PDB file of N, CA and C in Angstrom:
ATOM      1  N   MET A   1    -209.947  47.570 -84.474  1.00  0.00           N
ATOM      2  CA  MET A   1    -211.124  48.220 -83.475  1.00  0.00           C
ATOM      3  C   MET A   1    -212.186  48.530 -84.895  1.00  0.00           C
ATOM      4  N   ARG A   2    -213.157  48.356 -84.655  1.00  0.00           N
ATOM      5  CA  ARG A   2    -214.440  48.807 -85.290  1.00  0.00           C
ATOM      6  C   ARG A   2    -214.251  50.782 -85.773  1.00  0.00           C
ATOM      7  N   VAL A   3    -214.106  50.843 -86.741  1.00  0.00           N
ATOM      8  CA  VAL A   3    -214.012  52.547 -87.216  1.00  0.00           C
ATOM      9  C   VAL A   3    -215.295  52.659 -88.253  1.00  0.00           C
ATOM     10  N   ILE A   4    -216.243  53.800 -87.318  1.00  0.00           N
ATOM     11  CA  ILE A   4    -217.200  54.135 -88.350  1.00  0.00           C
ATOM     12  C   ILE A   4    -216.917  55.560 -88.804  1.00  0.00           C
ATOM     13  N   LEU A   5    -217.319  55.653 -90.315  1.00  0.00           N
ATOM     14  CA  LEU A   5    -216.713  57.192 -90.936  1.00  0.00           C
ATOM     15  C   LEU A   5    -217.956  57.644 -91.326  1.00  0.00           C
ATOM     16  N   LEU A   6    -218.426  58.976 -90.705  1.00  0.00           N
ATOM     17  CA  LEU A   6    -219.263  59.599 -90.951  1.00  0.00           C
ATOM     18  C   LEU A   6    -219.190  60.863 -91.694  1.00  0.00           C
ATOM     19  N   VAL A   7    -219.663  61.497 -92.522  1.00  0.00           N
ATOM     20  CA  VAL A   7    -219.915  62.552 -93.439  1.00  0.00           C
ATOM     21  C   VAL A   7    -220.586  63.261 -92.916  1.00  0.00           C
ATOM     22  N   LYS A   8    -220.165  64.777 -92.717  1.00  0.00           N
ATOM     23  CA  LYS A   8    -221.217  65.523 -92.596  1.00  0.00           C
ATOM     24  C   LYS A   8    -221.110  66.448 -93.942  1.00  0.00           C
ATOM     25  N   ASP A   9    -222.584  66.483 -94.069  1.00  0.00           N
ATOM     26  CA  ASP A   9    -223.196  67.084 -95.291  1.00  0.00           C
ATOM     27  C   ASP A   9    -224.112  67.919 -95.111  1.00  0.00           C
ATOM     28  N   PRO A  10    -223.726  69.328 -95.770  1.00  0.00           N
ATOM     29  CA  PRO A  10    -224.948  70.472 -95.369  1.00  0.00           C
ATOM     30  C   PRO A  10    -226.274  70.184 -95.789  1.00  0.00           C
ATOM     31  N   GLU A  11    -226.418  69.015 -96.830  1.00  0.00           N
ATOM     32  CA  GLU A  11    -227.777  68.995 -97.334  1.00  0.00           C
ATOM     33  C   GLU A  11    -228.380  67.900 -96.585  1.00  0.00           C
ATOM     34  N   GLN A  12    -227.817  66.811 -96.030  1.00  0.00           N
ATOM     35  CA  GLN A  12    -228.380  65.694 -95.350  1.00  0.00           C
ATOM     36  C   GLN A  12    -227.956  65.264 -94.044  1.00  0.00           C
ATOM     37  N   GLY A  13    -227.033  66.606 -93.328  1.00  0.00           N
ATOM     38  CA  GLY A  13    -226.488  66.053 -92.007  1.00  0.00           C
ATOM     39  C   GLY A  13    -225.776  65.352 -91.784  1.00  0.00           C
ATOM     40  N   LEU A  14    -225.433  64.760 -90.893  1.00  0.00           N
ATOM     41  CA  LEU A  14    -224.586  63.388 -90.826  1.00  0.00           C
ATOM     42  C   LEU A  14    -225.064  62.150 -91.427  1.00  0.00           C
ATOM     43  N   ARG A  15    -223.939  61.272 -92.029  1.00  0.00           N
ATOM     44  CA  ARG A  15    -224.367  59.914 -92.982  1.00  0.00           C
ATOM     45  C   ARG A  15    -223.255  59.288 -92.935  1.00  0.00           C
ATOM     46  N   GLN A  16    -223.552  58.048 -92.342  1.00  0.00           N
ATOM     47  CA  GLN A  16    -222.330  56.951 -92.320  1.00  0.00           C
ATOM     48  C   GLN A  16    -222.125  56.466 -93.881  1.00  0.00           C
ATOM     49  N   ILE A  17    -220.678  56.624 -94.176  1.00  0.00           N
ATOM     50  CA  ILE A  17    -220.015  56.119 -95.205  1.00  0.00           C
ATOM     51  C   ILE A  17    -219.432  54.405 -95.345  1.00  0.00           C
ATOM     52  N   ASP A  18    -219.205  54.397 -94.401  1.00  0.00           N
ATOM     53  CA  ASP A  18    -218.019  53.051 -94.040  1.00  0.00           C
ATOM     54  C   ASP A  18    -217.973  52.471 -92.516  1.00  0.00           C
ATOM     55  N   ASP A  19    -217.944  51.571 -92.211  1.00  0.00           N
ATOM     56  CA  ASP A  19    -218.212  50.508 -91.012  1.00  0.00           C
ATOM     57  C   ASP A  19    -217.299  49.268 -91.359  1.00  0.00           C
ATOM     58  N   ARG A  20    -216.048  49.407 -90.689  1.00  0.00           N
ATOM     59  CA  ARG A  20    -215.352  48.146 -90.711  1.00  0.00           C
ATOM     60  C   ARG A  20    -214.262  48.216 -89.842  1.00  0.00           C
ATOM     61  N   GLU A  21    -213.802  46.815 -89.654  1.00  0.00           N
ATOM     62  CA  GLU A  21    -212.554  46.820 -88.832  1.00  0.00           C
ATOM     63  C   GLU A  21    -211.009  47.243 -89.204  1.00  0.00           C
ATOM     64  N   TRP A  22    -210.409  48.161 -88.272  1.00  0.00           N
ATOM     65  CA  TRP A  22    -209.114  48.916 -88.672  1.00  0.00           C
ATOM     66  C   TRP A  22    -208.150  48.212 -87.611  1.00  0.00           C
ATOM     67  N   ASP A  23    -206.689  47.379 -88.205  1.00  0.00           N
ATOM     68  CA  ASP A  23    -205.761  47.249 -87.592  1.00  0.00           C
ATOM     69  C   ASP A  23    -205.312  48.301 -86.724  1.00  0.00           C
ATOM     70  N   SER A  24    -204.432  48.185 -85.902  1.00  0.00           N
ATOM     71  CA  SER A  24    -204.049  49.071 -84.953  1.00  0.00           C
ATOM     72  C   SER A  24    -202.739  50.106 -85.852  1.00  0.00           C
ATOM     73  N   THR A  25    -201.983  49.839 -86.827  1.00  0.00           N
ATOM     74  CA  THR A  25    -201.287  50.568 -87.768  1.00  0.00           C
ATOM     75  C   THR A  25    -202.263  51.459 -88.520  1.00  0.00           C
ATOM     76  N   MET A  26    -203.364  51.036 -88.934  1.00  0.00           N
ATOM     77  CA  MET A  26    -204.090  52.096 -89.730  1.00  0.00           C
ATOM     78  C   MET A  26    -204.592  53.361 -88.626  1.00  0.00           C
ATOM     79  N   ILE A  27    -204.921  52.926 -87.337  1.00  0.00           N
ATOM     80  CA  ILE A  27    -205.450  53.767 -86.262  1.00  0.00           C
ATOM     81  C   ILE A  27    -204.251  54.514 -86.077  1.00  0.00           C
ATOM     82  N   ALA A  28    -203.266  53.967 -85.701  1.00  0.00           N
ATOM     83  CA  ALA A  28    -202.099  54.912 -85.332  1.00  0.00           C
ATOM     84  C   ALA A  28    -201.961  55.940 -86.647  1.00  0.00           C
ATOM     85  N   SER A  29    -201.967  55.395 -87.895  1.00  0.00           N
ATOM     86  CA  SER A  29    -201.672  56.237 -89.041  1.00  0.00           C
ATOM     87  C   SER A  29    -202.569  57.885 -88.765  1.00  0.00           C
ATOM     88  N   LEU A  30    -203.611  57.786 -88.292  1.00  0.00           N
ATOM     89  CA  LEU A  30    -204.565  58.949 -88.151  1.00  0.00           C
ATOM     90  C   LEU A  30    -203.789  59.894 -87.235  1.00  0.00           C
ATOM     91  N   GLU A  31    -202.729  59.759 -86.527  1.00  0.00           N
ATOM     92  CA  GLU A  31    -201.743  60.906 -85.975  1.00  0.00           C
ATOM     93  C   GLU A  31    -200.904  61.606 -86.776  1.00  0.00           C
ATOM     94  N   HIS A  32    -201.040  61.319 -88.022  1.00  0.00           N
ATOM     95  CA  HIS A  32    -200.181  61.931 -89.058  1.00  0.00           C
ATOM     96  C   HIS A  32    -200.731  62.220 -90.588  1.00  0.00           C
ATOM     97  N   VAL A  33    -201.900  61.954 -90.464  1.00  0.00           N
ATOM     98  CA  VAL A  33    -202.638  62.157 -92.084  1.00  0.00           C
ATOM     99  C   VAL A  33    -204.107  63.031 -91.628  1.00  0.00           C
ATOM    100  N   ASN A  34    -204.242  63.893 -92.529  1.00  0.00           N
ATOM    101  CA  ASN A  34    -205.609  64.906 -92.534  1.00  0.00           C
ATOM    102  C   ASN A  34    -206.514  64.615 -93.615  1.00  0.00           C
ATOM    103  N   TYR A  35    -206.458  63.519 -94.060  1.00  0.00           N
ATOM    104  CA  TYR A  35    -207.335  62.958 -95.493  1.00  0.00           C
ATOM    105  C   TYR A  35    -207.419  61.374 -95.506  1.00  0.00           C
ATOM    106  N   LEU A  36    -208.536  60.978 -95.858  1.00  0.00           N
ATOM    107  CA  LEU A  36    -208.709  59.420 -96.101  1.00  0.00           C
ATOM    108  C   LEU A  36    -209.690  59.425 -97.543  1.00  0.00           C
ATOM    109  N   THR A  37    -209.011  58.587 -98.018  1.00  0.00           N
ATOM    110  CA  THR A  37    -209.621  57.856 -99.803  1.00  0.00           C
ATOM    111  C   THR A  37    -210.381  56.639 -98.998  1.00  0.00           C
ATOM    112  N   VAL A  38    -211.748  57.009 -99.167  1.00  0.00           N
ATOM    113  CA  VAL A  38    -212.880  55.970 -99.167  1.00  0.00           C
ATOM    114  C   VAL A  38    -213.555  55.714-100.419  1.00  0.00           C
ATOM    115  N   HIS A  39    -213.922  54.411-100.612  1.00  0.00           N
ATOM    116  CA  HIS A  39    -214.767  54.083-101.967  1.00  0.00           C
ATOM    117  C   HIS A  39    -214.256  54.829-103.175  1.00  0.00           C
ATOM    118  N   GLY A  40    -212.946  55.538-103.462  1.00  0.00           N
ATOM    119  CA  GLY A  40    -212.454  56.190-104.292  1.00  0.00           C
ATOM    120  C   GLY A  40    -212.679  57.873-104.423  1.00  0.00           C
ATOM    121  N   GLU A  41    -213.267  58.410-103.312  1.00  0.00           N
ATOM    122  CA  GLU A  41    -213.275  59.833-102.764  1.00  0.00           C
ATOM    123  C   GLU A  41    -212.491  60.128-101.675  1.00  0.00           C
ATOM    124  N   GLU A  42    -212.550  61.372-101.708  1.00  0.00           N
ATOM    125  CA  GLU A  42    -211.358  62.001-100.595  1.00  0.00           C
ATOM    126  C   GLU A  42    -212.142  62.814-100.076  1.00  0.00           C
ATOM    127  N   TYR A  43    -211.901  62.470 -98.609  1.00  0.00           N
ATOM    128  CA  TYR A  43    -212.216  63.371 -97.129  1.00  0.00           C
ATOM    129  C   TYR A  43    -211.345  63.847 -96.483  1.00  0.00           C
ATOM    130  N   GLN A  44    -211.572  64.925 -95.828  1.00  0.00           N
ATOM    131  CA  GLN A  44    -210.918  65.684 -94.840  1.00  0.00           C
ATOM    132  C   GLN A  44    -211.498  64.904 -93.363  1.00  0.00           C
ATOM    133  N   THR A  45    -210.663  64.571 -92.531  1.00  0.00           N
ATOM    134  CA  THR A  45    -210.853  64.354 -90.937  1.00  0.00           C
ATOM    135  C   THR A  45    -211.261  65.700 -90.315  1.00  0.00           C
ATOM    136  N   LEU A  46    -212.171  65.828 -89.637  1.00  0.00           N
ATOM    137  CA  LEU A  46    -212.358  66.728 -88.530  1.00  0.00           C
ATOM    138  C   LEU A  46    -212.105  66.506 -87.208  1.00  0.00           C
ATOM    139  N   GLU A  47    -212.791  65.565 -86.927  1.00  0.00           N
ATOM    140  CA  GLU A  47    -212.452  65.085 -85.409  1.00  0.00           C
ATOM    141  C   GLU A  47    -213.239  63.325 -85.151  1.00  0.00           C
ATOM    142  N   GLY A  48    -212.524  63.211 -84.486  1.00  0.00           N
ATOM    143  CA  GLY A  48    -212.894  61.735 -83.733  1.00  0.00           C
ATOM    144  C   GLY A  48    -213.233  61.518 -82.775  1.00  0.00           C
ATOM    145  N   LYS A  49    -214.185  60.624 -82.294  1.00  0.00           N
ATOM    146  CA  LYS A  49    -214.729  60.229 -80.882  1.00  0.00           C
ATOM    147  C   LYS A  49    -214.544  58.615 -80.376  1.00  0.00           C
ATOM    148  N   LEU A  50    -214.329  58.292 -79.690  1.00  0.00           N
ATOM    149  CA  LEU A  50    -213.981  56.740 -79.144  1.00  0.00           C
ATOM    150  C   LEU A  50    -215.191  56.671 -78.521  1.00  0.00           C
ATOM    151  N   ASN A  51    -215.684  55.701 -79.145  1.00  0.00           N
ATOM    152  CA  ASN A  51    -217.129  55.519 -78.103  1.00  0.00           C
ATOM    153  C   ASN A  51    -216.939  54.285 -77.419  1.00  0.00           C
ATOM    154  N   VAL A  52    -216.438  54.246 -76.037  1.00  0.00           N
ATOM    155  CA  VAL A  52    -216.132  53.322 -75.383  1.00  0.00           C
ATOM    156  C   VAL A  52    -217.752  52.230 -75.196  1.00  0.00           C
ATOM    157  N   ASP A  53    -218.582  52.351 -75.014  1.00  0.00           N
ATOM    158  CA  ASP A  53    -219.673  51.685 -74.381  1.00  0.00           C
ATOM    159  C   ASP A  53    -219.885  50.892 -76.048  1.00  0.00           C
ATOM    160  N   ALA A  54    -219.678  51.405 -77.176  1.00  0.00           N
ATOM    161  CA  ALA A  54    -219.779  50.580 -78.377  1.00  0.00           C
ATOM    162  C   ALA A  54    -218.577  49.869 -78.948  1.00  0.00           C
ATOM    163  N   GLY A  55    -217.324  50.281 -78.265  1.00  0.00           N
ATOM    164  CA  GLY A  55    -216.452  49.979 -78.571  1.00  0.00           C
ATOM    165  C   GLY A  55    -215.984  50.046 -80.091  1.00  0.00           C
ATOM    166  N   GLN A  56    -216.123  51.224 -80.361  1.00  0.00           N
ATOM    167  CA  GLN A  56    -215.767  51.912 -81.791  1.00  0.00           C
ATOM    168  C   GLN A  56    -214.995  52.882 -81.812  1.00  0.00           C
ATOM    169  N   LEU A  57    -214.372  53.653 -82.772  1.00  0.00           N
ATOM    170  CA  LEU A  57    -214.008  54.700 -83.114  1.00  0.00           C
ATOM    171  C   LEU A  57    -214.688  55.506 -84.126  1.00  0.00           C
ATOM    172  N   GLU A  58    -215.503  56.567 -84.125  1.00  0.00           N
ATOM    173  CA  GLU A  58    -216.016  57.406 -85.173  1.00  0.00           C
ATOM    174  C   GLU A  58    -215.579  58.528 -85.539  1.00  0.00           C
ATOM    175  N   LEU A  59    -215.226  58.517 -86.734  1.00  0.00           N
ATOM    176  CA  LEU A  59    -214.832  59.807 -87.604  1.00  0.00           C
ATOM    177  C   LEU A  59    -215.601  60.412 -88.122  1.00  0.00           C
ATOM    178  N   LEU A  60    -215.219  62.000 -87.977  1.00  0.00           N
ATOM    179  CA  LEU A  60    -216.254  62.759 -88.496  1.00  0.00           C
ATOM    180  C   LEU A  60    -215.362  63.408 -89.845  1.00  0.00           C
ATOM    181  N   LEU A  61    -215.916  63.598 -91.179  1.00  0.00           N
ATOM    182  CA  LEU A  61    -215.194  64.085 -92.186  1.00  0.00           C
ATOM    183  C   LEU A  61    -216.085  64.934 -93.022  1.00  0.00           C
ATOM    184  N   VAL A  62    -215.517  65.342 -93.991  1.00  0.00           N
ATOM    185  CA  VAL A  62    -216.232  66.486 -94.771  1.00  0.00           C
ATOM    186  C   VAL A  62    -215.786  65.877 -96.426  1.00  0.00           C
ATOM    187  N   LYS A  63    -216.507  66.174 -97.532  1.00  0.00           N
ATOM    188  CA  LYS A  63    -215.857  65.361 -98.874  1.00  0.00           C
ATOM    189  C   LYS A  63    -215.083  66.521 -99.156  1.00  0.00           C
ATOM    190  N   MET A  64    -213.929  66.122 -99.775  1.00  0.00           N
ATOM    191  CA  MET A  64    -213.229  67.369-100.467  1.00  0.00           C
ATOM    192  C   MET A  64    -213.576  67.255-102.140  1.00  0.00           C
ATOM    193  N   ASN A  65    -213.649  68.447-102.317  1.00  0.00           N
ATOM    194  CA  ASN A  65    -214.046  68.803-104.145  1.00  0.00           C
ATOM    195  C   ASN A  65    -212.835  68.257-104.619  1.00  0.00           C
ATOM    196  N   ASN A  66    -212.881  67.274-105.660  1.00  0.00           N
ATOM    197  CA  ASN A  66    -211.732  66.817-106.577  1.00  0.00           C
ATOM    198  C   ASN A  66    -212.103  67.398-108.218  1.00  0.00           C
ATOM    199  N   LYS A  67    -212.665  68.168-108.016  1.00  0.00           N
ATOM    200  CA  LYS A  67    -212.887  68.840-109.462  1.00  0.00           C
ATOM    201  C   LYS A  67    -211.818  69.314-109.991  1.00  0.00           C
ATOM    202  N   THR A  68    -211.155  69.230-110.970  1.00  0.00           N
ATOM    203  CA  THR A  68    -210.057  69.589-111.700  1.00  0.00           C
ATOM    204  C   THR A  68    -210.108  70.904-112.574  1.00  0.00           C
ATOM    205  N   LEU A  69    -209.689  71.934-112.011  1.00  0.00           N
ATOM    206  CA  LEU A  69    -209.805  73.331-112.614  1.00  0.00           C
ATOM    207  C   LEU A  69    -209.411  73.273-114.197  1.00  0.00           C
TER     208      LEU A  69
END
């Protein structure tokens, strides 16, 4: 299934960071994870939407602060 990753950015609003095919194992793993790593950056998943018309899953994410204290 095609999965679209959207980041909620306070300055830019919603922006797409990824669009690719996921296999059923990756989609099923969403039941057990709260965080995703994409292009070397960590994001927290907020919610998902199954867009039946477009045949895709859309995930809303927020970027995590990875700075070391």
